[in-house]
PDB file of N, CA and C in Angstrom:
ATOM      1  N   MET A   1      23.898  29.539   8.946  1.00  0.00           N
ATOM      2  CA  MET A   1      23.576  28.294   8.437  1.00  0.00           C
ATOM      3  C   MET A   1      24.428  28.333   7.472  1.00  0.00           C
ATOM      4  N   LYS A   2      24.992  27.022   6.806  1.00  0.00           N
ATOM      5  CA  LYS A   2      25.940  26.889   5.634  1.00  0.00           C
ATOM      6  C   LYS A   2      25.481  27.238   4.278  1.00  0.00           C
ATOM      7  N   LYS A   3      26.287  27.442   3.421  1.00  0.00           N
ATOM      8  CA  LYS A   3      25.656  27.916   2.170  1.00  0.00           C
ATOM      9  C   LYS A   3      24.956  26.534   1.504  1.00  0.00           C
ATOM     10  N   SER A   4      25.547  25.315   1.646  1.00  0.00           N
ATOM     11  CA  SER A   4      24.690  24.179   1.201  1.00  0.00           C
ATOM     12  C   SER A   4      23.323  23.875   1.714  1.00  0.00           C
ATOM     13  N   GLU A   5      23.084  24.254   3.001  1.00  0.00           N
ATOM     14  CA  GLU A   5      21.858  24.297   3.695  1.00  0.00           C
ATOM     15  C   GLU A   5      20.710  25.219   3.165  1.00  0.00           C
ATOM     16  N   GLN A   6      21.626  26.349   2.835  1.00  0.00           N
ATOM     17  CA  GLN A   6      20.699  27.628   2.327  1.00  0.00           C
ATOM     18  C   GLN A   6      20.282  27.137   0.771  1.00  0.00           C
ATOM     19  N   VAL A   7      20.982  26.446   0.035  1.00  0.00           N
ATOM     20  CA  VAL A   7      20.757  26.134  -1.254  1.00  0.00           C
ATOM     21  C   VAL A   7      19.530  25.129  -1.236  1.00  0.00           C
ATOM     22  N   ILE A   8      19.762  24.151  -0.357  1.00  0.00           N
ATOM     23  CA  ILE A   8      18.856  23.156  -0.111  1.00  0.00           C
ATOM     24  C   ILE A   8      17.461  23.518   0.350  1.00  0.00           C
ATOM     25  N   THR A   9      17.418  24.406   1.443  1.00  0.00           N
ATOM     26  CA  THR A   9      16.180  25.162   1.753  1.00  0.00           C
ATOM     27  C   THR A   9      15.634  25.670   0.696  1.00  0.00           C
ATOM     28  N   HIS A  10      16.407  26.439   0.029  1.00  0.00           N
ATOM     29  CA  HIS A  10      15.668  27.252  -1.016  1.00  0.00           C
ATOM     30  C   HIS A  10      14.928  26.216  -2.172  1.00  0.00           C
ATOM     31  N   ILE A  11      15.854  25.155  -2.613  1.00  0.00           N
ATOM     32  CA  ILE A  11      14.957  24.390  -3.593  1.00  0.00           C
ATOM     33  C   ILE A  11      14.066  23.482  -3.200  1.00  0.00           C
ATOM     34  N   GLU A  12      13.949  23.251  -1.951  1.00  0.00           N
ATOM     35  CA  GLU A  12      12.960  22.274  -1.046  1.00  0.00           C
ATOM     36  C   GLU A  12      11.698  23.505  -1.228  1.00  0.00           C
ATOM     37  N   ARG A  13      11.870  24.699  -0.761  1.00  0.00           N
ATOM     38  CA  ARG A  13      10.727  25.702  -1.160  1.00  0.00           C
ATOM     39  C   ARG A  13       9.925  25.784  -2.176  1.00  0.00           C
ATOM     40  N   ILE A  14      10.748  25.432  -3.335  1.00  0.00           N
ATOM     41  CA  ILE A  14      10.101  25.550  -4.452  1.00  0.00           C
ATOM     42  C   ILE A  14       9.338  24.117  -4.819  1.00  0.00           C
ATOM     43  N   GLY A  15       9.460  23.186  -4.034  1.00  0.00           N
ATOM     44  CA  GLY A  15       8.713  21.747  -4.167  1.00  0.00           C
ATOM     45  C   GLY A  15       9.747  20.574  -4.516  1.00  0.00           C
ATOM     46  N   SER A  16      11.041  20.690  -4.515  1.00  0.00           N
ATOM     47  CA  SER A  16      11.752  19.745  -4.799  1.00  0.00           C
ATOM     48  C   SER A  16      12.114  18.643  -3.742  1.00  0.00           C
ATOM     49  N   THR A  17      12.514  17.304  -3.943  1.00  0.00           N
ATOM     50  CA  THR A  17      12.491  16.379  -3.204  1.00  0.00           C
ATOM     51  C   THR A  17      13.767  15.601  -3.423  1.00  0.00           C
ATOM     52  N   GLU A  18      14.657  15.220  -2.225  1.00  0.00           N
ATOM     53  CA  GLU A  18      15.582  14.597  -2.257  1.00  0.00           C
ATOM     54  C   GLU A  18      15.520  13.144  -2.983  1.00  0.00           C
ATOM     55  N   LEU A  19      16.456  12.732  -3.609  1.00  0.00           N
ATOM     56  CA  LEU A  19      16.719  11.207  -3.970  1.00  0.00           C
ATOM     57  C   LEU A  19      17.748  10.533  -3.707  1.00  0.00           C
ATOM     58  N   PRO A  20      17.941   9.403  -3.591  1.00  0.00           N
ATOM     59  CA  PRO A  20      19.229   8.566  -3.502  1.00  0.00           C
ATOM     60  C   PRO A  20      20.249   9.091  -4.549  1.00  0.00           C
ATOM     61  N   SER A  21      21.546   9.375  -4.197  1.00  0.00           N
ATOM     62  CA  SER A  21      22.564  10.085  -4.989  1.00  0.00           C
ATOM     63  C   SER A  21      23.379   8.607  -4.674  1.00  0.00           C
ATOM     64  N   THR A  22      24.305   8.472  -6.082  1.00  0.00           N
ATOM     65  CA  THR A  22      25.374   7.617  -6.266  1.00  0.00           C
ATOM     66  C   THR A  22      26.804   8.346  -6.028  1.00  0.00           C
ATOM     67  N   SER A  23      26.416   9.851  -5.992  1.00  0.00           N
ATOM     68  CA  SER A  23      27.866  10.704  -5.824  1.00  0.00           C
ATOM     69  C   SER A  23      27.820  11.037  -4.499  1.00  0.00           C
ATOM     70  N   ILE A  24      29.394  10.897  -4.058  1.00  0.00           N
ATOM     71  CA  ILE A  24      29.605  11.138  -2.660  1.00  0.00           C
ATOM     72  C   ILE A  24      29.561  12.649  -2.410  1.00  0.00           C
ATOM     73  N   LYS A  25      30.041  13.567  -3.535  1.00  0.00           N
ATOM     74  CA  LYS A  25      30.175  14.825  -3.316  1.00  0.00           C
ATOM     75  C   LYS A  25      28.871  15.772  -3.405  1.00  0.00           C
ATOM     76  N   PHE A  26      27.822  15.213  -4.116  1.00  0.00           N
ATOM     77  CA  PHE A  26      26.817  15.779  -4.420  1.00  0.00           C
ATOM     78  C   PHE A  26      25.504  15.105  -4.013  1.00  0.00           C
ATOM     79  N   ARG A  27      24.528  15.836  -3.437  1.00  0.00           N
ATOM     80  CA  ARG A  27      23.031  15.384  -3.052  1.00  0.00           C
ATOM     81  C   ARG A  27      22.041  15.584  -4.350  1.00  0.00           C
ATOM     82  N   LYS A  28      21.118  14.754  -4.395  1.00  0.00           N
ATOM     83  CA  LYS A  28      20.441  14.746  -5.779  1.00  0.00           C
ATOM     84  C   LYS A  28      18.903  14.987  -5.161  1.00  0.00           C
ATOM     85  N   PHE A  29      18.184  16.019  -6.214  1.00  0.00           N
ATOM     86  CA  PHE A  29      17.001  16.345  -5.951  1.00  0.00           C
ATOM     87  C   PHE A  29      16.160  16.482  -7.280  1.00  0.00           C
ATOM     88  N   THR A  30      14.898  16.307  -7.149  1.00  0.00           N
ATOM     89  CA  THR A  30      14.084  16.526  -8.206  1.00  0.00           C
ATOM     90  C   THR A  30      12.869  17.251  -8.052  1.00  0.00           C
ATOM     91  N   HIS A  31      12.264  17.586  -8.990  1.00  0.00           N
ATOM     92  CA  HIS A  31      11.209  18.577  -8.931  1.00  0.00           C
ATOM     93  C   HIS A  31       9.877  18.005  -9.682  1.00  0.00           C
ATOM     94  N   PRO A  32       8.656  17.697  -9.351  1.00  0.00           N
ATOM     95  CA  PRO A  32       7.717  17.407 -10.201  1.00  0.00           C
ATOM     96  C   PRO A  32       7.437  17.968 -11.530  1.00  0.00           C
ATOM     97  N   ALA A  33       7.925  19.003 -11.556  1.00  0.00           N
ATOM     98  CA  ALA A  33       7.437  19.675 -12.817  1.00  0.00           C
ATOM     99  C   ALA A  33       8.705  19.732 -13.869  1.00  0.00           C
ATOM    100  N   ASP A  34       9.840  19.521 -13.346  1.00  0.00           N
ATOM    101  CA  ASP A  34      11.088  19.354 -14.395  1.00  0.00           C
ATOM    102  C   ASP A  34      11.376  18.026 -14.684  1.00  0.00           C
ATOM    103  N   THR A  35      12.179  17.972 -15.880  1.00  0.00           N
ATOM    104  CA  THR A  35      12.509  16.745 -16.406  1.00  0.00           C
ATOM    105  C   THR A  35      14.231  16.578 -16.286  1.00  0.00           C
ATOM    106  N   TRP A  36      14.664  17.133 -15.390  1.00  0.00           N
ATOM    107  CA  TRP A  36      16.072  17.136 -14.968  1.00  0.00           C
ATOM    108  C   TRP A  36      16.157  17.107 -13.478  1.00  0.00           C
ATOM    109  N   PHE A  37      17.434  17.101 -12.737  1.00  0.00           N
ATOM    110  CA  PHE A  37      17.666  16.806 -11.602  1.00  0.00           C
ATOM    111  C   PHE A  37      18.527  17.786 -11.025  1.00  0.00           C
ATOM    112  N   TYR A  38      18.554  18.254  -9.659  1.00  0.00           N
ATOM    113  CA  TYR A  38      19.251  19.360  -9.186  1.00  0.00           C
ATOM    114  C   TYR A  38      20.382  18.648  -8.158  1.00  0.00           C
ATOM    115  N   PHE A  39      21.607  19.169  -8.302  1.00  0.00           N
ATOM    116  CA  PHE A  39      22.733  18.304  -7.671  1.00  0.00           C
ATOM    117  C   PHE A  39      23.278  19.487  -6.695  1.00  0.00           C
ATOM    118  N   VAL A  40      23.309  19.234  -5.585  1.00  0.00           N
ATOM    119  CA  VAL A  40      23.789  20.151  -4.347  1.00  0.00           C
ATOM    120  C   VAL A  40      25.198  19.571  -3.920  1.00  0.00           C
ATOM    121  N   GLY A  41      26.329  20.363  -3.936  1.00  0.00           N
ATOM    122  CA  GLY A  41      27.630  19.875  -3.867  1.00  0.00           C
ATOM    123  C   GLY A  41      27.717  20.396  -2.133  1.00  0.00           C
ATOM    124  N   LYS A  42      28.740  19.733  -1.602  1.00  0.00           N
ATOM    125  CA  LYS A  42      29.115  19.898   0.219  1.00  0.00           C
ATOM    126  C   LYS A  42      29.164  21.467   0.229  1.00  0.00           C
ATOM    127  N   ASN A  43      29.789  22.235  -0.941  1.00  0.00           N
ATOM    128  CA  ASN A  43      30.270  23.759  -0.714  1.00  0.00           C
ATOM    129  C   ASN A  43      29.066  24.654  -0.800  1.00  0.00           C
ATOM    130  N   GLY A  44      27.888  24.157  -1.111  1.00  0.00           N
ATOM    131  CA  GLY A  44      26.770  24.971  -1.856  1.00  0.00           C
ATOM    132  C   GLY A  44      26.539  25.081  -3.283  1.00  0.00           C
ATOM    133  N   SER A  45      27.526  24.503  -4.105  1.00  0.00           N
ATOM    134  CA  SER A  45      27.418  24.590  -5.641  1.00  0.00           C
ATOM    135  C   SER A  45      26.033  23.781  -5.944  1.00  0.00           C
ATOM    136  N   LEU A  46      25.332  24.633  -6.984  1.00  0.00           N
ATOM    137  CA  LEU A  46      24.341  23.829  -7.628  1.00  0.00           C
ATOM    138  C   LEU A  46      24.513  23.732  -9.020  1.00  0.00           C
ATOM    139  N   ARG A  47      23.962  22.663  -9.563  1.00  0.00           N
ATOM    140  CA  ARG A  47      24.079  22.197 -10.724  1.00  0.00           C
ATOM    141  C   ARG A  47      22.775  21.562 -11.156  1.00  0.00           C
ATOM    142  N   ALA A  48      22.241  21.499 -12.675  1.00  0.00           N
ATOM    143  CA  ALA A  48      21.110  21.058 -13.020  1.00  0.00           C
ATOM    144  C   ALA A  48      21.326  20.427 -14.257  1.00  0.00           C
ATOM    145  N   GLY A  49      20.548  19.104 -14.452  1.00  0.00           N
ATOM    146  CA  GLY A  49      20.855  18.586 -15.715  1.00  0.00           C
ATOM    147  C   GLY A  49      20.333  16.990 -15.455  1.00  0.00           C
ATOM    148  N   GLN A  50      20.181  16.412 -16.622  1.00  0.00           N
ATOM    149  CA  GLN A  50      19.795  14.962 -16.726  1.00  0.00           C
ATOM    150  C   GLN A  50      20.709  13.901 -15.698  1.00  0.00           C
ATOM    151  N   SER A  51      21.985  14.150 -15.685  1.00  0.00           N
ATOM    152  CA  SER A  51      22.903  13.443 -15.045  1.00  0.00           C
ATOM    153  C   SER A  51      24.043  14.538 -14.367  1.00  0.00           C
ATOM    154  N   LEU A  52      24.892  14.116 -13.516  1.00  0.00           N
ATOM    155  CA  LEU A  52      25.887  15.074 -13.095  1.00  0.00           C
ATOM    156  C   LEU A  52      26.793  15.295 -14.252  1.00  0.00           C
ATOM    157  N   ALA A  53      27.140  14.453 -14.807  1.00  0.00           N
ATOM    158  CA  ALA A  53      28.373  14.542 -16.005  1.00  0.00           C
ATOM    159  C   ALA A  53      27.674  15.402 -17.002  1.00  0.00           C
ATOM    160  N   ASP A  54      26.250  15.511 -17.302  1.00  0.00           N
ATOM    161  CA  ASP A  54      25.706  16.464 -18.216  1.00  0.00           C
ATOM    162  C   ASP A  54      25.168  17.593 -17.777  1.00  0.00           C
ATOM    163  N   SER A  55      25.462  17.987 -16.243  1.00  0.00           N
ATOM    164  CA  SER A  55      24.628  19.147 -15.943  1.00  0.00           C
ATOM    165  C   SER A  55      25.511  20.296 -15.865  1.00  0.00           C
ATOM    166  N   MET A  56      24.813  21.436 -15.699  1.00  0.00           N
ATOM    167  CA  MET A  56      25.167  22.830 -15.880  1.00  0.00           C
ATOM    168  C   MET A  56      25.223  23.539 -14.604  1.00  0.00           C
ATOM    169  N   SER A  57      26.165  24.485 -14.396  1.00  0.00           N
ATOM    170  CA  SER A  57      26.090  25.055 -12.791  1.00  0.00           C
ATOM    171  C   SER A  57      25.041  26.178 -12.999  1.00  0.00           C
ATOM    172  N   LEU A  58      24.476  26.378 -11.868  1.00  0.00           N
ATOM    173  CA  LEU A  58      23.423  27.465 -11.480  1.00  0.00           C
ATOM    174  C   LEU A  58      24.090  27.952 -10.021  1.00  0.00           C
ATOM    175  N   THR A  59      25.030  27.987  -9.688  1.00  0.00           N
ATOM    176  CA  THR A  59      25.688  28.504  -8.476  1.00  0.00           C
ATOM    177  C   THR A  59      25.416  30.211  -8.397  1.00  0.00           C
ATOM    178  N   ALA A  60      25.813  30.697  -9.644  1.00  0.00           N
ATOM    179  CA  ALA A  60      25.671  32.291  -9.328  1.00  0.00           C
ATOM    180  C   ALA A  60      24.366  32.562  -9.330  1.00  0.00           C
ATOM    181  N   SER A  61      23.517  32.022  -9.974  1.00  0.00           N
ATOM    182  CA  SER A  61      21.979  32.355  -9.957  1.00  0.00           C
ATOM    183  C   SER A  61      21.313  32.206  -8.500  1.00  0.00           C
ATOM    184  N   VAL A  62      21.771  30.907  -7.913  1.00  0.00           N
ATOM    185  CA  VAL A  62      20.933  30.721  -6.815  1.00  0.00           C
ATOM    186  C   VAL A  62      21.711  31.504  -5.534  1.00  0.00           C
ATOM    187  N   THR A  63      22.867  31.595  -5.643  1.00  0.00           N
ATOM    188  CA  THR A  63      23.537  32.723  -4.973  1.00  0.00           C
ATOM    189  C   THR A  63      22.915  34.030  -4.820  1.00  0.00           C
ATOM    190  N   ARG A  64      22.693  34.658  -5.907  1.00  0.00           N
ATOM    191  CA  ARG A  64      22.108  35.849  -6.109  1.00  0.00           C
ATOM    192  C   ARG A  64      20.537  35.854  -5.381  1.00  0.00           C
ATOM    193  N   LEU A  65      19.607  34.631  -5.588  1.00  0.00           N
ATOM    194  CA  LEU A  65      18.616  34.433  -5.135  1.00  0.00           C
ATOM    195  C   LEU A  65      18.503  34.533  -3.537  1.00  0.00           C
ATOM    196  N   ILE A  66      19.744  33.870  -2.924  1.00  0.00           N
ATOM    197  CA  ILE A  66      19.701  33.468  -1.493  1.00  0.00           C
ATOM    198  C   ILE A  66      20.088  34.922  -0.907  1.00  0.00           C
ATOM    199  N   LYS A  67      20.835  35.786  -1.543  1.00  0.00           N
ATOM    200  CA  LYS A  67      21.193  37.043  -0.755  1.00  0.00           C
ATOM    201  C   LYS A  67      20.047  37.941  -0.924  1.00  0.00           C
ATOM    202  N   GLU A  68      19.374  37.847  -2.016  1.00  0.00           N
ATOM    203  CA  GLU A  68      17.883  38.904  -2.171  1.00  0.00           C
ATOM    204  C   GLU A  68      17.102  38.252  -1.240  1.00  0.00           C
ATOM    205  N   ARG A  69      16.900  37.170  -0.752  1.00  0.00           N
ATOM    206  CA  ARG A  69      15.806  36.656   0.175  1.00  0.00           C
ATOM    207  C   ARG A  69      16.538  37.087   1.494  1.00  0.00           C
ATOM    208  N   GLN A  70      17.772  36.940   1.723  1.00  0.00           N
ATOM    209  CA  GLN A  70      18.083  37.724   3.002  1.00  0.00           C
ATOM    210  C   GLN A  70      18.135  39.053   2.989  1.00  0.00           C
ATOM    211  N   LEU A  71      18.124  39.991   2.196  1.00  0.00           N
ATOM    212  CA  LEU A  71      17.863  41.462   2.134  1.00  0.00           C
ATOM    213  C   LEU A  71      16.508  41.527   2.595  1.00  0.00           C
ATOM    214  N   ARG A  72      15.644  40.894   1.771  1.00  0.00           N
ATOM    215  CA  ARG A  72      13.950  41.035   2.257  1.00  0.00           C
ATOM    216  C   ARG A  72      13.979  40.715   3.569  1.00  0.00           C
ATOM    217  N   ASP A  73      14.411  39.579   4.236  1.00  0.00           N
ATOM    218  CA  ASP A  73      14.188  39.379   5.451  1.00  0.00           C
ATOM    219  C   ASP A  73      14.814  40.313   6.434  1.00  0.00           C
ATOM    220  N   ASP A  74      15.842  40.544   6.142  1.00  0.00           N
ATOM    221  CA  ASP A  74      16.424  41.734   7.026  1.00  0.00           C
ATOM    222  C   ASP A  74      15.692  43.195   7.168  1.00  0.00           C
ATOM    223  N   PHE A  75      15.307  43.372   5.665  1.00  0.00           N
ATOM    224  CA  PHE A  75      14.292  44.549   5.775  1.00  0.00           C
ATOM    225  C   PHE A  75      13.028  44.207   6.582  1.00  0.00           C
ATOM    226  N   ALA A  76      12.426  43.240   6.338  1.00  0.00           N
ATOM    227  CA  ALA A  76      11.340  42.993   6.895  1.00  0.00           C
ATOM    228  C   ALA A  76      11.531  43.003   8.649  1.00  0.00           C
ATOM    229  N   LYS A  77      12.566  42.454   8.968  1.00  0.00           N
ATOM    230  CA  LYS A  77      12.770  42.637  10.413  1.00  0.00           C
ATOM    231  C   LYS A  77      12.788  44.081  10.966  1.00  0.00           C
ATOM    232  N   GLU A  78      13.646  44.983  10.106  1.00  0.00           N
ATOM    233  CA  GLU A  78      13.686  46.168  10.558  1.00  0.00           C
ATOM    234  C   GLU A  78      12.337  47.086  10.662  1.00  0.00           C
ATOM    235  N   GLU A  79      11.466  46.570   9.698  1.00  0.00           N
ATOM    236  CA  GLU A  79      10.147  47.438   9.530  1.00  0.00           C
ATOM    237  C   GLU A  79       9.320  47.001  10.707  1.00  0.00           C
ATOM    238  N   SER A  80       9.209  45.709  11.161  1.00  0.00           N
ATOM    239  CA  SER A  80       8.760  45.343  12.307  1.00  0.00           C
ATOM    240  C   SER A  80       9.104  45.856  13.675  1.00  0.00           C
ATOM    241  N   ILE A  81      10.100  46.590  13.780  1.00  0.00           N
ATOM    242  CA  ILE A  81      10.796  46.652  15.112  1.00  0.00           C
ATOM    243  C   ILE A  81      10.026  48.206  15.046  1.00  0.00           C
TER     244      ILE A  81
END
């Protein structure tokens, strides 16, 4: 699974939905509890903000969360064997 697909899967798990995006490089998502948008790049980068120009990077944070989830999943698989 590509990093961008992993990021999208993660933000969809928390209840975000995709919106039409005017950007070619980023897909746009929103969450009902947030007042900002999430922007996911083709390479898996994640940004959050009111607009793409005013957004800030969350890539390091989400990369850590994805790695932790993978470790938990791998550990659960090993214990089930």
